[in-house]
Amino acid sequence: MKRGENQMYITNFAELAEVMMKRKHIKLKEVAEYIGTSAVYARHVIDGFYKGGKADSYKLEIADFLGIDRKYANIKEEV
């Protein structure tokens, strides 16, 4: 098998965030502290339960913090 064949690419933001948090040994509490919210709210933003306005800007901050390309944050307009 050639290198790069049959690889799975993750494009879901919540899954990407989980993978990057595990790789970098970052806990949800640290993400929440970085964006200045509770861990529960941070989890809901990552999972996409909240949309628009402040939630979108938090999602972009989380993407930057975890080293995820902003295009995977699924934000229609840059905040």
PDB file of N, CA and C in Angstrom:
ATOM      1  N   MET A   1       0.849  -1.175   0.000  1.00  0.00           N
ATOM      2  CA  MET A   1       0.000   0.000   0.000  1.00  0.00           C
ATOM      3  C   MET A   1       0.895   1.239   0.000  1.00  0.00           C
ATOM      4  N   LYS A   2       0.565   2.185  -0.861  1.00  0.00           N
ATOM      5  CA  LYS A   2       1.328   3.425  -0.937  1.00  0.00           C
ATOM      6  C   LYS A   2       0.993   4.327   0.236  1.00  0.00           C
ATOM      7  N   ARG A   3       1.961   5.128   0.575  1.00  0.00           N
ATOM      8  CA  ARG A   3       1.757   6.083   1.663  1.00  0.00           C
ATOM      9  C   ARG A   3       0.645   7.058   1.269  1.00  0.00           C
ATOM     10  N   GLY A   4      -0.305   7.261   2.155  1.00  0.00           N
ATOM     11  CA  GLY A   4      -1.382   8.205   1.904  1.00  0.00           C
ATOM     12  C   GLY A   4      -2.650   7.572   1.368  1.00  0.00           C
ATOM     13  N   GLU A   5      -2.588   6.298   1.017  1.00  0.00           N
ATOM     14  CA  GLU A   5      -3.790   5.633   0.533  1.00  0.00           C
ATOM     15  C   GLU A   5      -4.648   5.182   1.707  1.00  0.00           C
ATOM     16  N   ASN A   6      -5.924   5.160   1.465  1.00  0.00           N
ATOM     17  CA  ASN A   6      -6.878   4.658   2.455  1.00  0.00           C
ATOM     18  C   ASN A   6      -6.779   5.365   3.796  1.00  0.00           C
ATOM     19  N   GLN A   7      -6.518   6.640   3.754  1.00  0.00           N
ATOM     20  CA  GLN A   7      -6.508   7.404   4.996  1.00  0.00           C
ATOM     21  C   GLN A   7      -7.855   8.076   5.171  1.00  0.00           C
ATOM     22  N   MET A   8      -8.268   8.193   6.409  1.00  0.00           N
ATOM     23  CA  MET A   8      -9.528   8.855   6.699  1.00  0.00           C
ATOM     24  C   MET A   8      -9.235  10.292   7.119  1.00  0.00           C
ATOM     25  N   TYR A   9      -9.934  11.222   6.517  1.00  0.00           N
ATOM     26  CA  TYR A   9      -9.761  12.628   6.854  1.00  0.00           C
ATOM     27  C   TYR A   9     -10.959  13.096   7.658  1.00  0.00           C
ATOM     28  N   ILE A  10     -10.689  13.750   8.760  1.00  0.00           N
ATOM     29  CA  ILE A  10     -11.749  14.246   9.631  1.00  0.00           C
ATOM     30  C   ILE A  10     -12.017  15.699   9.279  1.00  0.00           C
ATOM     31  N   THR A  11     -13.278  16.021   9.009  1.00  0.00           N
ATOM     32  CA  THR A  11     -13.641  17.404   8.702  1.00  0.00           C
ATOM     33  C   THR A  11     -14.647  17.965   9.701  1.00  0.00           C
ATOM     34  N   ASN A  12     -15.153  17.132  10.602  1.00  0.00           N
ATOM     35  CA  ASN A  12     -16.099  17.581  11.615  1.00  0.00           C
ATOM     36  C   ASN A  12     -15.334  18.306  12.718  1.00  0.00           C
ATOM     37  N   PHE A  13     -15.750  19.529  13.028  1.00  0.00           N
ATOM     38  CA  PHE A  13     -15.014  20.342  13.993  1.00  0.00           C
ATOM     39  C   PHE A  13     -14.930  19.684  15.367  1.00  0.00           C
ATOM     40  N   ALA A  14     -16.025  19.102  15.834  1.00  0.00           N
ATOM     41  CA  ALA A  14     -16.030  18.479  17.165  1.00  0.00           C
ATOM     42  C   ALA A  14     -15.022  17.329  17.228  1.00  0.00           C
ATOM     43  N   GLU A  15     -14.969  16.527  16.171  1.00  0.00           N
ATOM     44  CA  GLU A  15     -14.019  15.415  16.146  1.00  0.00           C
ATOM     45  C   GLU A  15     -12.585  15.926  16.065  1.00  0.00           C
ATOM     46  N   LEU A  16     -12.358  16.945  15.245  1.00  0.00           N
ATOM     47  CA  LEU A  16     -11.025  17.541  15.140  1.00  0.00           C
ATOM     48  C   LEU A  16     -10.570  18.086  16.484  1.00  0.00           C
ATOM     49  N   ALA A  17     -11.481  18.767  17.171  1.00  0.00           N
ATOM     50  CA  ALA A  17     -11.142  19.344  18.471  1.00  0.00           C
ATOM     51  C   ALA A  17     -10.759  18.244  19.459  1.00  0.00           C
ATOM     52  N   GLU A  18     -11.511  17.152  19.465  1.00  0.00           N
ATOM     53  CA  GLU A  18     -11.199  16.037  20.371  1.00  0.00           C
ATOM     54  C   GLU A  18      -9.824  15.455  20.070  1.00  0.00           C
ATOM     55  N   VAL A  19      -9.542  15.238  18.788  1.00  0.00           N
ATOM     56  CA  VAL A  19      -8.250  14.667  18.396  1.00  0.00           C
ATOM     57  C   VAL A  19      -7.111  15.590  18.810  1.00  0.00           C
ATOM     58  N   MET A  20      -7.256  16.883  18.535  1.00  0.00           N
ATOM     59  CA  MET A  20      -6.185  17.829  18.850  1.00  0.00           C
ATOM     60  C   MET A  20      -6.003  17.988  20.360  1.00  0.00           C
ATOM     61  N   MET A  21      -7.108  17.938  21.106  1.00  0.00           N
ATOM     62  CA  MET A  21      -7.001  18.024  22.562  1.00  0.00           C
ATOM     63  C   MET A  21      -6.232  16.822  23.110  1.00  0.00           C
ATOM     64  N   LYS A  22      -6.492  15.640  22.557  1.00  0.00           N
ATOM     65  CA  LYS A  22      -5.773  14.443  23.013  1.00  0.00           C
ATOM     66  C   LYS A  22      -4.307  14.502  22.613  1.00  0.00           C
ATOM     67  N   ARG A  23      -4.029  14.936  21.390  1.00  0.00           N
ATOM     68  CA  ARG A  23      -2.642  15.011  20.915  1.00  0.00           C
ATOM     69  C   ARG A  23      -1.806  15.984  21.732  1.00  0.00           C
ATOM     70  N   LYS A  24      -2.420  17.106  22.087  1.00  0.00           N
ATOM     71  CA  LYS A  24      -1.684  18.153  22.799  1.00  0.00           C
ATOM     72  C   LYS A  24      -1.846  18.070  24.313  1.00  0.00           C
ATOM     73  N   HIS A  25      -2.572  17.054  24.769  1.00  0.00           N
ATOM     74  CA  HIS A  25      -2.823  16.860  26.208  1.00  0.00           C
ATOM     75  C   HIS A  25      -3.459  18.111  26.824  1.00  0.00           C
ATOM     76  N   ILE A  26      -4.478  18.619  26.147  1.00  0.00           N
ATOM     77  CA  ILE A  26      -5.213  19.792  26.622  1.00  0.00           C
ATOM     78  C   ILE A  26      -6.577  19.321  27.108  1.00  0.00           C
ATOM     79  N   LYS A  27      -6.947  19.744  28.285  1.00  0.00           N
ATOM     80  CA  LYS A  27      -8.239  19.373  28.849  1.00  0.00           C
ATOM     81  C   LYS A  27      -9.283  20.419  28.473  1.00  0.00           C
ATOM     82  N   LEU A  28     -10.538  20.003  28.511  1.00  0.00           N
ATOM     83  CA  LEU A  28     -11.638  20.902  28.193  1.00  0.00           C
ATOM     84  C   LEU A  28     -11.621  22.126  29.106  1.00  0.00           C
ATOM     85  N   LYS A  29     -11.253  21.923  30.349  1.00  0.00           N
ATOM     86  CA  LYS A  29     -11.178  23.029  31.309  1.00  0.00           C
ATOM     87  C   LYS A  29     -10.185  24.091  30.838  1.00  0.00           C
ATOM     88  N   GLU A  30      -9.062  23.662  30.241  1.00  0.00           N
ATOM     89  CA  GLU A  30      -8.068  24.608  29.731  1.00  0.00           C
ATOM     90  C   GLU A  30      -8.614  25.395  28.542  1.00  0.00           C
ATOM     91  N   VAL A  31      -9.365  24.723  27.684  1.00  0.00           N
ATOM     92  CA  VAL A  31      -9.995  25.402  26.550  1.00  0.00           C
ATOM     93  C   VAL A  31     -10.977  26.441  27.072  1.00  0.00           C
ATOM     94  N   ALA A  32     -11.782  26.054  28.055  1.00  0.00           N
ATOM     95  CA  ALA A  32     -12.772  26.962  28.638  1.00  0.00           C
ATOM     96  C   ALA A  32     -12.102  28.176  29.269  1.00  0.00           C
ATOM     97  N   GLU A  33     -11.009  27.957  29.981  1.00  0.00           N
ATOM     98  CA  GLU A  33     -10.284  29.074  30.595  1.00  0.00           C
ATOM     99  C   GLU A  33      -9.713  29.999  29.528  1.00  0.00           C
ATOM    100  N   TYR A  34      -9.246  29.426  28.423  1.00  0.00           N
ATOM    101  CA  TYR A  34      -8.665  30.224  27.338  1.00  0.00           C
ATOM    102  C   TYR A  34      -9.699  31.173  26.726  1.00  0.00           C
ATOM    103  N   ILE A  35     -10.936  30.664  26.535  1.00  0.00           N
ATOM    104  CA  ILE A  35     -11.967  31.518  25.929  1.00  0.00           C
ATOM    105  C   ILE A  35     -12.796  32.256  26.975  1.00  0.00           C
ATOM    106  N   GLY A  36     -12.573  31.958  28.248  1.00  0.00           N
ATOM    107  CA  GLY A  36     -13.250  32.684  29.318  1.00  0.00           C
ATOM    108  C   GLY A  36     -14.677  32.259  29.581  1.00  0.00           C
ATOM    109  N   THR A  37     -14.950  30.955  29.440  1.00  0.00           N
ATOM    110  CA  THR A  37     -16.295  30.442  29.696  1.00  0.00           C
ATOM    111  C   THR A  37     -16.204  29.213  30.593  1.00  0.00           C
ATOM    112  N   SER A  38     -17.361  28.613  30.848  1.00  0.00           N
ATOM    113  CA  SER A  38     -17.380  27.360  31.606  1.00  0.00           C
ATOM    114  C   SER A  38     -17.047  26.202  30.668  1.00  0.00           C
ATOM    115  N   ALA A  39     -16.663  25.084  31.253  1.00  0.00           N
ATOM    116  CA  ALA A  39     -16.345  23.898  30.461  1.00  0.00           C
ATOM    117  C   ALA A  39     -17.579  23.380  29.721  1.00  0.00           C
ATOM    118  N   VAL A  40     -18.738  23.482  30.355  1.00  0.00           N
ATOM    119  CA  VAL A  40     -19.980  23.021  29.730  1.00  0.00           C
ATOM    120  C   VAL A  40     -20.288  23.863  28.496  1.00  0.00           C
ATOM    121  N   TYR A  41     -20.171  25.184  28.619  1.00  0.00           N
ATOM    122  CA  TYR A  41     -20.437  26.061  27.477  1.00  0.00           C
ATOM    123  C   TYR A  41     -19.422  25.810  26.367  1.00  0.00           C
ATOM    124  N   ALA A  42     -18.148  25.629  26.724  1.00  0.00           N
ATOM    125  CA  ALA A  42     -17.112  25.353  25.724  1.00  0.00           C
ATOM    126  C   ALA A  42     -17.434  24.062  24.972  1.00  0.00           C
ATOM    127  N   ARG A  43     -17.865  23.024  25.700  1.00  0.00           N
ATOM    128  CA  ARG A  43     -18.234  21.754  25.065  1.00  0.00           C
ATOM    129  C   ARG A  43     -19.396  21.958  24.099  1.00  0.00           C
ATOM    130  N   HIS A  44     -20.394  22.738  24.496  1.00  0.00           N
ATOM    131  CA  HIS A  44     -21.546  22.987  23.634  1.00  0.00           C
ATOM    132  C   HIS A  44     -21.150  23.765  22.386  1.00  0.00           C
ATOM    133  N   VAL A  45     -20.241  24.710  22.517  1.00  0.00           N
ATOM    134  CA  VAL A  45     -19.754  25.467  21.355  1.00  0.00           C
ATOM    135  C   VAL A  45     -19.015  24.524  20.413  1.00  0.00           C
ATOM    136  N   ILE A  46     -18.144  23.693  20.955  1.00  0.00           N
ATOM    137  CA  ILE A  46     -17.388  22.739  20.133  1.00  0.00           C
ATOM    138  C   ILE A  46     -18.330  21.785  19.411  1.00  0.00           C
ATOM    139  N   ASP A  47     -19.340  21.299  20.107  1.00  0.00           N
ATOM    140  CA  ASP A  47     -20.284  20.350  19.516  1.00  0.00           C
ATOM    141  C   ASP A  47     -21.282  21.002  18.566  1.00  0.00           C
ATOM    142  N   GLY A  48     -21.330  22.333  18.540  1.00  0.00           N
ATOM    143  CA  GLY A  48     -22.195  23.034  17.599  1.00  0.00           C
ATOM    144  C   GLY A  48     -23.603  23.286  18.087  1.00  0.00           C
ATOM    145  N   PHE A  49     -23.843  23.177  19.390  1.00  0.00           N
ATOM    146  CA  PHE A  49     -25.178  23.444  19.917  1.00  0.00           C
ATOM    147  C   PHE A  49     -25.519  24.926  19.864  1.00  0.00           C
ATOM    148  N   TYR A  50     -24.510  25.782  19.980  1.00  0.00           N
ATOM    149  CA  TYR A  50     -24.709  27.222  19.909  1.00  0.00           C
ATOM    150  C   TYR A  50     -24.128  27.729  18.602  1.00  0.00           C
ATOM    151  N   LYS A  51     -24.866  28.614  17.941  1.00  0.00           N
ATOM    152  CA  LYS A  51     -24.410  29.165  16.673  1.00  0.00           C
ATOM    153  C   LYS A  51     -24.630  30.667  16.664  1.00  0.00           C
ATOM    154  N   GLY A  52     -23.832  31.347  15.843  1.00  0.00           N
ATOM    155  CA  GLY A  52     -23.990  32.782  15.661  1.00  0.00           C
ATOM    156  C   GLY A  52     -23.264  33.605  16.700  1.00  0.00           C
ATOM    157  N   GLY A  53     -23.005  34.846  16.324  1.00  0.00           N
ATOM    158  CA  GLY A  53     -22.438  35.836  17.225  1.00  0.00           C
ATOM    159  C   GLY A  53     -21.255  35.390  18.045  1.00  0.00           C
ATOM    160  N   LYS A  54     -21.437  35.417  19.346  1.00  0.00           N
ATOM    161  CA  LYS A  54     -20.356  35.130  20.284  1.00  0.00           C
ATOM    162  C   LYS A  54     -19.882  33.678  20.165  1.00  0.00           C
ATOM    163  N   ALA A  55     -20.806  32.753  19.945  1.00  0.00           N
ATOM    164  CA  ALA A  55     -20.426  31.339  19.829  1.00  0.00           C
ATOM    165  C   ALA A  55     -19.477  31.124  18.649  1.00  0.00           C
ATOM    166  N   ASP A  56     -19.723  31.821  17.539  1.00  0.00           N
ATOM    167  CA  ASP A  56     -18.840  31.700  16.375  1.00  0.00           C
ATOM    168  C   ASP A  56     -17.447  32.236  16.678  1.00  0.00           C
ATOM    169  N   SER A  57     -17.378  33.347  17.390  1.00  0.00           N
ATOM    170  CA  SER A  57     -16.056  33.894  17.722  1.00  0.00           C
ATOM    171  C   SER A  57     -15.326  32.963  18.696  1.00  0.00           C
ATOM    172  N   TYR A  58     -16.063  32.348  19.626  1.00  0.00           N
ATOM    173  CA  TYR A  58     -15.452  31.371  20.533  1.00  0.00           C
ATOM    174  C   TYR A  58     -14.919  30.169  19.745  1.00  0.00           C
ATOM    175  N   LYS A  59     -15.691  29.732  18.754  1.00  0.00           N
ATOM    176  CA  LYS A  59     -15.279  28.582  17.951  1.00  0.00           C
ATOM    177  C   LYS A  59     -13.976  28.877  17.207  1.00  0.00           C
ATOM    178  N   LEU A  60     -13.853  30.094  16.689  1.00  0.00           N
ATOM    179  CA  LEU A  60     -12.618  30.487  16.007  1.00  0.00           C
ATOM    180  C   LEU A  60     -11.451  30.565  16.989  1.00  0.00           C
ATOM    181  N   GLU A  61     -11.703  31.067  18.189  1.00  0.00           N
ATOM    182  CA  GLU A  61     -10.658  31.120  19.217  1.00  0.00           C
ATOM    183  C   GLU A  61     -10.196  29.712  19.594  1.00  0.00           C
ATOM    184  N   ILE A  62     -11.155  28.803  19.717  1.00  0.00           N
ATOM    185  CA  ILE A  62     -10.828  27.415  20.045  1.00  0.00           C
ATOM    186  C   ILE A  62      -9.999  26.793  18.925  1.00  0.00           C
ATOM    187  N   ALA A  63     -10.394  27.048  17.684  1.00  0.00           N
ATOM    188  CA  ALA A  63      -9.641  26.524  16.539  1.00  0.00           C
ATOM    189  C   ALA A  63      -8.199  27.022  16.572  1.00  0.00           C
ATOM    190  N   ASP A  64      -8.018  28.305  16.830  1.00  0.00           N
ATOM    191  CA  ASP A  64      -6.664  28.867  16.906  1.00  0.00           C
ATOM    192  C   ASP A  64      -5.873  28.251  18.058  1.00  0.00           C
ATOM    193  N   PHE A  65      -6.519  28.104  19.198  1.00  0.00           N
ATOM    194  CA  PHE A  65      -5.863  27.558  20.388  1.00  0.00           C
ATOM    195  C   PHE A  65      -5.395  26.117  20.166  1.00  0.00           C
ATOM    196  N   LEU A  66      -6.220  25.337  19.461  1.00  0.00           N
ATOM    197  CA  LEU A  66      -5.898  23.929  19.248  1.00  0.00           C
ATOM    198  C   LEU A  66      -5.089  23.686  17.976  1.00  0.00           C
ATOM    199  N   GLY A  67      -4.889  24.723  17.177  1.00  0.00           N
ATOM    200  CA  GLY A  67      -4.126  24.561  15.939  1.00  0.00           C
ATOM    201  C   GLY A  67      -4.924  23.931  14.815  1.00  0.00           C
ATOM    202  N   ILE A  68      -6.229  24.191  14.797  1.00  0.00           N
ATOM    203  CA  ILE A  68      -7.108  23.675  13.749  1.00  0.00           C
ATOM    204  C   ILE A  68      -7.315  24.783  12.723  1.00  0.00           C
ATOM    205  N   ASP A  69      -7.262  24.432  11.444  1.00  0.00           N
ATOM    206  CA  ASP A  69      -7.501  25.412  10.385  1.00  0.00           C
ATOM    207  C   ASP A  69      -8.914  25.987  10.556  1.00  0.00           C
ATOM    208  N   ARG A  70      -9.033  27.297  10.448  1.00  0.00           N
ATOM    209  CA  ARG A  70     -10.314  27.975  10.687  1.00  0.00           C
ATOM    210  C   ARG A  70     -11.424  27.523   9.743  1.00  0.00           C
ATOM    211  N   LYS A  71     -11.071  26.988   8.566  1.00  0.00           N
ATOM    212  CA  LYS A  71     -12.110  26.570   7.615  1.00  0.00           C
ATOM    213  C   LYS A  71     -12.955  25.422   8.169  1.00  0.00           C
ATOM    214  N   TYR A  72     -12.411  24.658   9.099  1.00  0.00           N
ATOM    215  CA  TYR A  72     -13.157  23.543   9.683  1.00  0.00           C
ATOM    216  C   TYR A  72     -14.099  23.980  10.804  1.00  0.00           C
ATOM    217  N   ALA A  73     -14.044  25.238  11.190  1.00  0.00           N
ATOM    218  CA  ALA A  73     -14.935  25.738  12.241  1.00  0.00           C
ATOM    219  C   ALA A  73     -16.358  25.918  11.727  1.00  0.00           C
ATOM    220  N   ASN A  74     -16.545  25.811  10.414  1.00  0.00           N
ATOM    221  CA  ASN A  74     -17.871  25.910   9.792  1.00  0.00           C
ATOM    222  C   ASN A  74     -18.566  27.230  10.107  1.00  0.00           C
ATOM    223  N   ILE A  75     -17.804  28.313  10.022  1.00  0.00           N
ATOM    224  CA  ILE A  75     -18.347  29.647  10.225  1.00  0.00           C
ATOM    225  C   ILE A  75     -18.540  30.264   8.850  1.00  0.00           C
ATOM    226  N   LYS A  76     -19.741  30.801   8.598  1.00  0.00           N
ATOM    227  CA  LYS A  76     -20.009  31.373   7.281  1.00  0.00           C
ATOM    228  C   LYS A  76     -19.216  32.649   7.029  1.00  0.00           C
ATOM    229  N   GLU A  77     -19.114  33.506   8.032  1.00  0.00           N
ATOM    230  CA  GLU A  77     -18.375  34.762   7.891  1.00  0.00           C
ATOM    231  C   GLU A  77     -17.339  34.847   8.990  1.00  0.00           C
ATOM    232  N   GLU A  78     -16.214  35.464   8.674  1.00  0.00           N
ATOM    233  CA  GLU A  78     -15.190  35.680   9.690  1.00  0.00           C
ATOM    234  C   GLU A  78     -15.715  36.647  10.733  1.00  0.00           C
ATOM    235  N   VAL A  79     -15.491  36.344  11.986  1.00  0.00           N
ATOM    236  CA  VAL A  79     -15.964  37.198  13.081  1.00  0.00           C
ATOM    237  C   VAL A  79     -14.877  38.167  13.451  1.00  0.00           C
TER     238      VAL A  79
END
